[in-house]
Amino acid sequence: MSSEQFVCKLVCPNVEEFIALRSKVGWGELDAKLAQVSLNNSLFHVTMYFKGKLIGMGRVVGDDAMYFYIQDVVVDPDYQRLGIGAALMDKIEGYLFESAKKGATIGLLSAQGKESFYAHYGYTQRPNNALGHGMCKFV
């Protein structure tokens, strides 16, 4: 695959391709209306396309002041291990460098087994001596 066929965009994916990509990596089904509201309320989007097809994406959600959460960093399994995840994270980190000021918190929930990927960007695994386990609630 030629790198010229990959196109990185700072745009929101359409809801159908967002749902399809999440489903392809095993993240389950998602209601289209719920997905659209979530996408619309994101602070930042980065997408990667190959020959016009969405193959990767990431976004940042939060309050745009004190809290930023990296969300939905996902690469189609057919295109993993090509540096696409790193390209997406580089764009996300660029956005956060400009937007997150001293005192802000940047968080993420890593997929199991992907923690070392985020450690390259300075994210700390929990629990540790300073931080307890992260927690979440699914509705």
N, C-alpha and C. Protein backbone atom coordinates (compact mmCIF):
# COMPACT_ATOMS: atom_id res chain seq x y z
N MET A 1 0.84 -1.20 0.00
CA MET A 1 0.00 0.00 0.00
C MET A 1 0.87 1.24 0.00
N SER A 2 0.61 2.11 -0.88
CA SER A 2 1.36 3.35 -0.99
C SER A 2 0.84 4.36 0.03
N SER A 3 1.76 5.08 0.66
CA SER A 3 1.35 6.06 1.67
C SER A 3 0.56 7.21 1.05
N GLU A 4 0.68 7.40 -0.28
CA GLU A 4 -0.08 8.47 -0.93
C GLU A 4 -1.58 8.19 -0.94
N GLN A 5 -1.97 6.96 -0.69
CA GLN A 5 -3.38 6.61 -0.71
C GLN A 5 -4.04 6.85 0.65
N PHE A 6 -3.23 7.14 1.68
CA PHE A 6 -3.75 7.44 3.00
C PHE A 6 -3.97 8.94 3.12
N VAL A 7 -5.13 9.33 3.62
CA VAL A 7 -5.45 10.74 3.77
C VAL A 7 -5.92 10.98 5.20
N CYS A 8 -5.22 11.85 5.91
CA CYS A 8 -5.58 12.22 7.27
C CYS A 8 -6.36 13.53 7.21
N LYS A 9 -7.51 13.57 7.90
CA LYS A 9 -8.36 14.76 7.89
C LYS A 9 -8.75 15.12 9.32
N LEU A 10 -8.88 16.39 9.59
CA LEU A 10 -9.36 16.86 10.89
C LEU A 10 -10.86 17.15 10.77
N VAL A 11 -11.61 16.10 10.48
CA VAL A 11 -13.05 16.21 10.29
C VAL A 11 -13.76 15.10 11.05
N CYS A 12 -15.02 15.34 11.36
CA CYS A 12 -15.87 14.35 11.99
C CYS A 12 -16.26 13.30 10.96
N PRO A 13 -16.15 12.01 11.30
CA PRO A 13 -16.63 11.00 10.35
C PRO A 13 -18.15 11.03 10.29
N ASN A 14 -18.71 10.51 9.19
CA ASN A 14 -20.17 10.43 9.19
C ASN A 14 -20.59 9.29 10.11
N VAL A 15 -21.80 9.35 10.58
CA VAL A 15 -22.25 8.43 11.62
C VAL A 15 -22.23 6.97 11.17
N GLU A 16 -22.53 6.73 9.90
CA GLU A 16 -22.55 5.34 9.41
C GLU A 16 -21.16 4.73 9.43
N GLU A 17 -20.16 5.49 8.97
CA GLU A 17 -18.80 4.95 8.95
C GLU A 17 -18.23 4.84 10.37
N PHE A 18 -18.62 5.73 11.25
CA PHE A 18 -18.22 5.67 12.66
C PHE A 18 -18.73 4.38 13.30
N ILE A 19 -20.01 4.09 13.11
CA ILE A 19 -20.62 2.89 13.68
C ILE A 19 -19.99 1.63 13.08
N ALA A 20 -19.76 1.65 11.77
CA ALA A 20 -19.17 0.48 11.10
C ALA A 20 -17.76 0.20 11.60
N LEU A 21 -16.95 1.24 11.78
CA LEU A 21 -15.58 1.05 12.25
C LEU A 21 -15.57 0.52 13.68
N ARG A 22 -16.38 1.09 14.55
CA ARG A 22 -16.47 0.60 15.93
C ARG A 22 -16.91 -0.86 15.96
N SER A 23 -17.85 -1.21 15.13
CA SER A 23 -18.34 -2.58 15.07
C SER A 23 -17.25 -3.54 14.57
N LYS A 24 -16.48 -3.09 13.60
CA LYS A 24 -15.44 -3.95 13.01
C LYS A 24 -14.37 -4.33 14.04
N VAL A 25 -14.12 -3.47 15.02
CA VAL A 25 -13.13 -3.80 16.05
C VAL A 25 -13.77 -4.45 17.28
N GLY A 26 -15.07 -4.74 17.19
CA GLY A 26 -15.72 -5.46 18.27
C GLY A 26 -16.24 -4.61 19.41
N TRP A 27 -16.47 -3.33 19.15
CA TRP A 27 -16.96 -2.44 20.20
C TRP A 27 -18.48 -2.43 20.29
N GLY A 28 -19.16 -3.31 19.59
CA GLY A 28 -20.60 -3.48 19.72
C GLY A 28 -21.42 -2.54 18.86
N GLU A 29 -22.70 -2.76 18.93
CA GLU A 29 -23.67 -1.96 18.19
C GLU A 29 -23.93 -0.64 18.91
N LEU A 30 -24.33 0.36 18.14
CA LEU A 30 -24.57 1.69 18.69
C LEU A 30 -25.72 2.32 17.93
N ASP A 31 -26.65 2.91 18.64
CA ASP A 31 -27.76 3.62 18.03
C ASP A 31 -27.24 4.82 17.24
N ALA A 32 -27.71 5.00 16.03
CA ALA A 32 -27.22 6.07 15.15
C ALA A 32 -27.47 7.46 15.72
N LYS A 33 -28.63 7.69 16.34
CA LYS A 33 -28.93 9.00 16.90
C LYS A 33 -28.00 9.31 18.07
N LEU A 34 -27.77 8.31 18.92
CA LEU A 34 -26.85 8.47 20.05
C LEU A 34 -25.44 8.76 19.55
N ALA A 35 -25.02 8.02 18.54
CA ALA A 35 -23.69 8.22 17.96
C ALA A 35 -23.55 9.62 17.37
N GLN A 36 -24.56 10.10 16.68
CA GLN A 36 -24.49 11.41 16.06
C GLN A 36 -24.38 12.52 17.09
N VAL A 37 -25.16 12.43 18.17
CA VAL A 37 -25.07 13.43 19.24
C VAL A 37 -23.67 13.42 19.84
N SER A 38 -23.14 12.24 20.08
CA SER A 38 -21.80 12.12 20.65
C SER A 38 -20.75 12.74 19.73
N LEU A 39 -20.82 12.41 18.46
CA LEU A 39 -19.87 12.99 17.49
C LEU A 39 -19.99 14.51 17.45
N ASN A 40 -21.21 15.01 17.43
CA ASN A 40 -21.44 16.46 17.37
C ASN A 40 -20.88 17.19 18.59
N ASN A 41 -20.86 16.53 19.73
CA ASN A 41 -20.41 17.17 20.97
C ASN A 41 -18.93 16.98 21.25
N SER A 42 -18.21 16.39 20.34
CA SER A 42 -16.76 16.20 20.51
C SER A 42 -16.03 17.53 20.32
N LEU A 43 -14.89 17.64 20.98
CA LEU A 43 -14.07 18.85 20.86
C LEU A 43 -13.16 18.81 19.65
N PHE A 44 -12.73 17.60 19.26
CA PHE A 44 -11.73 17.46 18.20
C PHE A 44 -11.89 16.10 17.55
N HIS A 45 -11.74 16.07 16.23
CA HIS A 45 -11.79 14.82 15.46
C HIS A 45 -10.56 14.71 14.58
N VAL A 46 -10.08 13.49 14.41
CA VAL A 46 -9.07 13.19 13.40
C VAL A 46 -9.48 11.87 12.76
N THR A 47 -9.41 11.82 11.45
CA THR A 47 -9.81 10.62 10.72
C THR A 47 -8.72 10.26 9.72
N MET A 48 -8.66 8.97 9.39
CA MET A 48 -7.73 8.49 8.38
C MET A 48 -8.53 7.68 7.37
N TYR A 49 -8.31 8.01 6.10
CA TYR A 49 -9.01 7.34 5.01
C TYR A 49 -8.01 6.65 4.10
N PHE A 50 -8.44 5.53 3.53
CA PHE A 50 -7.66 4.83 2.51
C PHE A 50 -8.60 4.62 1.33
N LYS A 51 -8.26 5.25 0.20
CA LYS A 51 -9.10 5.18 -1.01
C LYS A 51 -10.54 5.55 -0.70
N GLY A 52 -10.73 6.59 0.13
CA GLY A 52 -12.06 7.09 0.45
C GLY A 52 -12.80 6.36 1.54
N LYS A 53 -12.20 5.31 2.11
CA LYS A 53 -12.84 4.52 3.17
C LYS A 53 -12.23 4.87 4.51
N LEU A 54 -13.09 5.11 5.53
CA LEU A 54 -12.61 5.39 6.87
C LEU A 54 -11.93 4.14 7.42
N ILE A 55 -10.65 4.28 7.78
CA ILE A 55 -9.90 3.14 8.34
C ILE A 55 -9.37 3.43 9.73
N GLY A 56 -9.50 4.67 10.19
CA GLY A 56 -9.03 5.01 11.53
C GLY A 56 -9.60 6.34 11.97
N MET A 57 -9.69 6.49 13.27
CA MET A 57 -10.19 7.77 13.80
C MET A 57 -9.81 7.91 15.26
N GLY A 58 -9.93 9.10 15.76
CA GLY A 58 -9.77 9.40 17.16
C GLY A 58 -10.48 10.71 17.42
N ARG A 59 -10.82 10.94 18.65
CA ARG A 59 -11.46 12.20 19.00
C ARG A 59 -11.16 12.55 20.44
N VAL A 60 -11.43 13.80 20.78
CA VAL A 60 -11.27 14.29 22.14
C VAL A 60 -12.62 14.83 22.58
N VAL A 61 -13.01 14.45 23.79
CA VAL A 61 -14.24 14.96 24.39
C VAL A 61 -13.87 15.62 25.71
N GLY A 62 -14.77 16.37 26.29
CA GLY A 62 -14.50 17.00 27.57
C GLY A 62 -15.13 18.38 27.67
N ASP A 63 -14.65 19.16 28.64
CA ASP A 63 -15.23 20.48 28.85
C ASP A 63 -14.42 21.60 28.20
N ASP A 64 -13.33 21.26 27.51
CA ASP A 64 -12.50 22.22 26.79
C ASP A 64 -11.80 23.22 27.71
N ALA A 65 -11.63 22.83 28.97
CA ALA A 65 -10.96 23.70 29.93
C ALA A 65 -10.11 22.86 30.88
N MET A 66 -10.76 22.21 31.84
CA MET A 66 -10.03 21.42 32.84
C MET A 66 -9.90 19.95 32.48
N TYR A 67 -10.85 19.43 31.69
CA TYR A 67 -10.87 17.99 31.43
C TYR A 67 -10.98 17.68 29.94
N PHE A 68 -10.07 16.83 29.50
CA PHE A 68 -10.02 16.36 28.13
C PHE A 68 -9.88 14.84 28.18
N TYR A 69 -10.66 14.14 27.39
CA TYR A 69 -10.58 12.68 27.34
C TYR A 69 -10.39 12.24 25.90
N ILE A 70 -9.36 11.46 25.70
CA ILE A 70 -9.10 10.88 24.39
C ILE A 70 -10.06 9.70 24.24
N GLN A 71 -10.78 9.69 23.16
CA GLN A 71 -11.86 8.72 22.97
C GLN A 71 -11.82 8.13 21.57
N ASP A 72 -12.23 6.88 21.45
CA ASP A 72 -12.43 6.22 20.16
C ASP A 72 -11.21 6.27 19.23
N VAL A 73 -10.02 6.08 19.78
CA VAL A 73 -8.86 5.92 18.90
C VAL A 73 -8.94 4.48 18.40
N VAL A 74 -9.24 4.33 17.15
CA VAL A 74 -9.51 3.00 16.58
C VAL A 74 -8.98 2.93 15.16
N VAL A 75 -8.40 1.78 14.82
CA VAL A 75 -7.90 1.52 13.47
C VAL A 75 -8.49 0.20 13.01
N ASP A 76 -9.02 0.19 11.81
CA ASP A 76 -9.54 -1.02 11.19
C ASP A 76 -8.48 -2.12 11.29
N PRO A 77 -8.85 -3.31 11.75
CA PRO A 77 -7.86 -4.39 11.90
C PRO A 77 -7.08 -4.70 10.62
N ASP A 78 -7.67 -4.47 9.46
CA ASP A 78 -6.98 -4.72 8.20
C ASP A 78 -5.84 -3.73 7.94
N TYR A 79 -5.79 -2.64 8.72
CA TYR A 79 -4.79 -1.59 8.51
C TYR A 79 -3.95 -1.33 9.76
N GLN A 80 -4.02 -2.21 10.73
CA GLN A 80 -3.23 -2.03 11.94
C GLN A 80 -1.76 -2.38 11.67
N ARG A 81 -0.90 -1.84 12.52
CA ARG A 81 0.56 -2.04 12.44
C ARG A 81 1.19 -1.34 11.24
N LEU A 82 0.54 -0.27 10.78
CA LEU A 82 1.07 0.53 9.67
C LEU A 82 1.40 1.95 10.11
N GLY A 83 1.29 2.25 11.41
CA GLY A 83 1.56 3.58 11.92
C GLY A 83 0.37 4.51 11.91
N ILE A 84 -0.80 4.00 11.58
CA ILE A 84 -1.99 4.84 11.51
C ILE A 84 -2.40 5.33 12.89
N GLY A 85 -2.37 4.43 13.89
CA GLY A 85 -2.69 4.84 15.26
C GLY A 85 -1.77 5.93 15.74
N ALA A 86 -0.48 5.81 15.43
CA ALA A 86 0.49 6.84 15.83
C ALA A 86 0.20 8.15 15.12
N ALA A 87 -0.16 8.11 13.86
CA ALA A 87 -0.49 9.33 13.12
C ALA A 87 -1.71 10.02 13.73
N LEU A 88 -2.71 9.22 14.12
CA LEU A 88 -3.90 9.78 14.76
C LEU A 88 -3.54 10.42 16.10
N MET A 89 -2.74 9.70 16.90
CA MET A 89 -2.35 10.23 18.21
C MET A 89 -1.48 11.47 18.09
N ASP A 90 -0.64 11.54 17.07
CA ASP A 90 0.18 12.74 16.87
C ASP A 90 -0.71 13.96 16.66
N LYS A 91 -1.78 13.82 15.90
CA LYS A 91 -2.72 14.93 15.67
C LYS A 91 -3.46 15.28 16.96
N ILE A 92 -3.87 14.25 17.71
CA ILE A 92 -4.56 14.48 18.98
C ILE A 92 -3.64 15.20 19.95
N GLU A 93 -2.40 14.74 20.04
CA GLU A 93 -1.44 15.38 20.95
C GLU A 93 -1.17 16.82 20.54
N GLY A 94 -1.15 17.10 19.25
CA GLY A 94 -0.99 18.49 18.78
C GLY A 94 -2.14 19.37 19.23
N TYR A 95 -3.35 18.85 19.11
CA TYR A 95 -4.52 19.59 19.58
C TYR A 95 -4.44 19.83 21.08
N LEU A 96 -4.10 18.80 21.82
CA LEU A 96 -4.04 18.93 23.29
C LEU A 96 -2.93 19.87 23.73
N PHE A 97 -1.81 19.88 23.01
CA PHE A 97 -0.71 20.80 23.34
C PHE A 97 -1.19 22.25 23.25
N GLU A 98 -2.02 22.54 22.27
CA GLU A 98 -2.55 23.90 22.09
C GLU A 98 -3.71 24.21 23.04
N SER A 99 -4.51 23.22 23.38
CA SER A 99 -5.77 23.47 24.09
C SER A 99 -5.72 23.26 25.60
N ALA A 100 -4.97 22.27 26.06
CA ALA A 100 -4.95 21.94 27.49
C ALA A 100 -3.90 22.79 28.19
N LYS A 101 -4.34 23.63 29.09
CA LYS A 101 -3.43 24.53 29.82
C LYS A 101 -3.05 23.93 31.16
N LYS A 102 -2.06 24.53 31.81
CA LYS A 102 -1.57 24.05 33.11
C LYS A 102 -2.74 23.89 34.07
N GLY A 103 -2.81 22.74 34.71
CA GLY A 103 -3.89 22.43 35.63
C GLY A 103 -4.96 21.54 35.02
N ALA A 104 -4.93 21.37 33.71
CA ALA A 104 -5.91 20.51 33.04
C ALA A 104 -5.53 19.04 33.23
N THR A 105 -6.51 18.17 33.11
CA THR A 105 -6.30 16.72 33.16
C THR A 105 -6.67 16.13 31.81
N ILE A 106 -5.81 15.28 31.30
CA ILE A 106 -6.08 14.55 30.06
C ILE A 106 -6.17 13.08 30.43
N GLY A 107 -7.29 12.46 30.12
CA GLY A 107 -7.50 11.07 30.47
C GLY A 107 -7.87 10.25 29.25
N LEU A 108 -7.83 8.94 29.44
CA LEU A 108 -8.28 8.01 28.41
C LEU A 108 -8.54 6.66 29.05
N LEU A 109 -9.33 5.86 28.39
CA LEU A 109 -9.55 4.47 28.77
C LEU A 109 -8.96 3.63 27.65
N SER A 110 -7.88 2.96 27.95
CA SER A 110 -7.21 2.14 26.95
C SER A 110 -7.92 0.80 26.78
N ALA A 111 -7.98 0.33 25.53
CA ALA A 111 -8.41 -1.05 25.32
C ALA A 111 -7.37 -1.96 25.95
N GLN A 112 -7.81 -3.07 26.48
CA GLN A 112 -6.89 -3.98 27.15
C GLN A 112 -5.79 -4.42 26.18
N GLY A 113 -4.55 -4.34 26.66
CA GLY A 113 -3.40 -4.71 25.85
C GLY A 113 -2.80 -3.58 25.05
N LYS A 114 -3.44 -2.42 25.05
CA LYS A 114 -2.95 -1.27 24.27
C LYS A 114 -2.29 -0.21 25.15
N GLU A 115 -2.12 -0.50 26.44
CA GLU A 115 -1.58 0.49 27.37
C GLU A 115 -0.19 0.99 26.96
N SER A 116 0.66 0.10 26.46
CA SER A 116 2.02 0.51 26.09
C SER A 116 2.01 1.50 24.93
N PHE A 117 1.03 1.42 24.06
CA PHE A 117 0.90 2.38 22.95
C PHE A 117 0.76 3.79 23.52
N TYR A 118 -0.10 3.95 24.51
CA TYR A 118 -0.34 5.28 25.10
C TYR A 118 0.81 5.71 26.00
N ALA A 119 1.52 4.76 26.58
CA ALA A 119 2.68 5.10 27.42
C ALA A 119 3.73 5.85 26.62
N HIS A 120 3.83 5.58 25.32
CA HIS A 120 4.78 6.29 24.45
C HIS A 120 4.48 7.79 24.39
N TYR A 121 3.25 8.15 24.71
CA TYR A 121 2.84 9.56 24.68
C TYR A 121 2.81 10.17 26.08
N GLY A 122 3.32 9.44 27.07
CA GLY A 122 3.42 9.98 28.42
C GLY A 122 2.25 9.67 29.33
N TYR A 123 1.33 8.80 28.90
CA TYR A 123 0.19 8.45 29.75
C TYR A 123 0.61 7.36 30.72
N THR A 124 0.13 7.47 31.95
CA THR A 124 0.50 6.60 33.05
C THR A 124 -0.58 5.56 33.28
N GLN A 125 -0.17 4.33 33.40
CA GLN A 125 -1.10 3.25 33.67
C GLN A 125 -1.58 3.32 35.12
N ARG A 126 -2.84 3.00 35.34
CA ARG A 126 -3.40 2.96 36.67
C ARG A 126 -3.73 1.52 37.01
N PRO A 127 -3.62 1.11 38.25
CA PRO A 127 -3.23 1.91 39.41
C PRO A 127 -1.71 2.05 39.49
N ASN A 128 -1.29 3.03 40.27
CA ASN A 128 0.12 3.22 40.59
C ASN A 128 0.17 3.86 41.98
N ASN A 129 1.36 4.24 42.42
CA ASN A 129 1.50 4.79 43.78
C ASN A 129 0.73 6.09 43.98
N ALA A 130 0.52 6.86 42.90
CA ALA A 130 -0.17 8.15 43.04
C ALA A 130 -1.66 8.07 42.71
N LEU A 131 -2.03 7.13 41.84
CA LEU A 131 -3.41 7.08 41.34
C LEU A 131 -4.00 5.69 41.54
N GLY A 132 -5.25 5.65 41.95
CA GLY A 132 -5.95 4.37 42.10
C GLY A 132 -6.47 3.87 40.76
N HIS A 133 -7.26 2.83 40.81
CA HIS A 133 -7.85 2.28 39.60
C HIS A 133 -8.81 3.29 38.98
N GLY A 134 -8.83 3.35 37.67
CA GLY A 134 -9.87 4.12 36.99
C GLY A 134 -11.17 3.34 37.08
N MET A 135 -12.27 4.02 36.96
CA MET A 135 -13.57 3.36 37.05
C MET A 135 -14.50 3.92 35.97
N CYS A 136 -15.48 3.12 35.59
CA CYS A 136 -16.49 3.60 34.67
C CYS A 136 -17.78 2.85 34.93
N LYS A 137 -18.87 3.36 34.39
CA LYS A 137 -20.17 2.74 34.53
C LYS A 137 -20.80 2.68 33.15
N PHE A 138 -21.27 1.52 32.76
CA PHE A 138 -21.93 1.36 31.46
C PHE A 138 -23.43 1.40 31.67
N VAL A 139 -24.11 2.12 30.81
CA VAL A 139 -25.56 2.23 30.90
C VAL A 139 -26.19 1.36 29.83
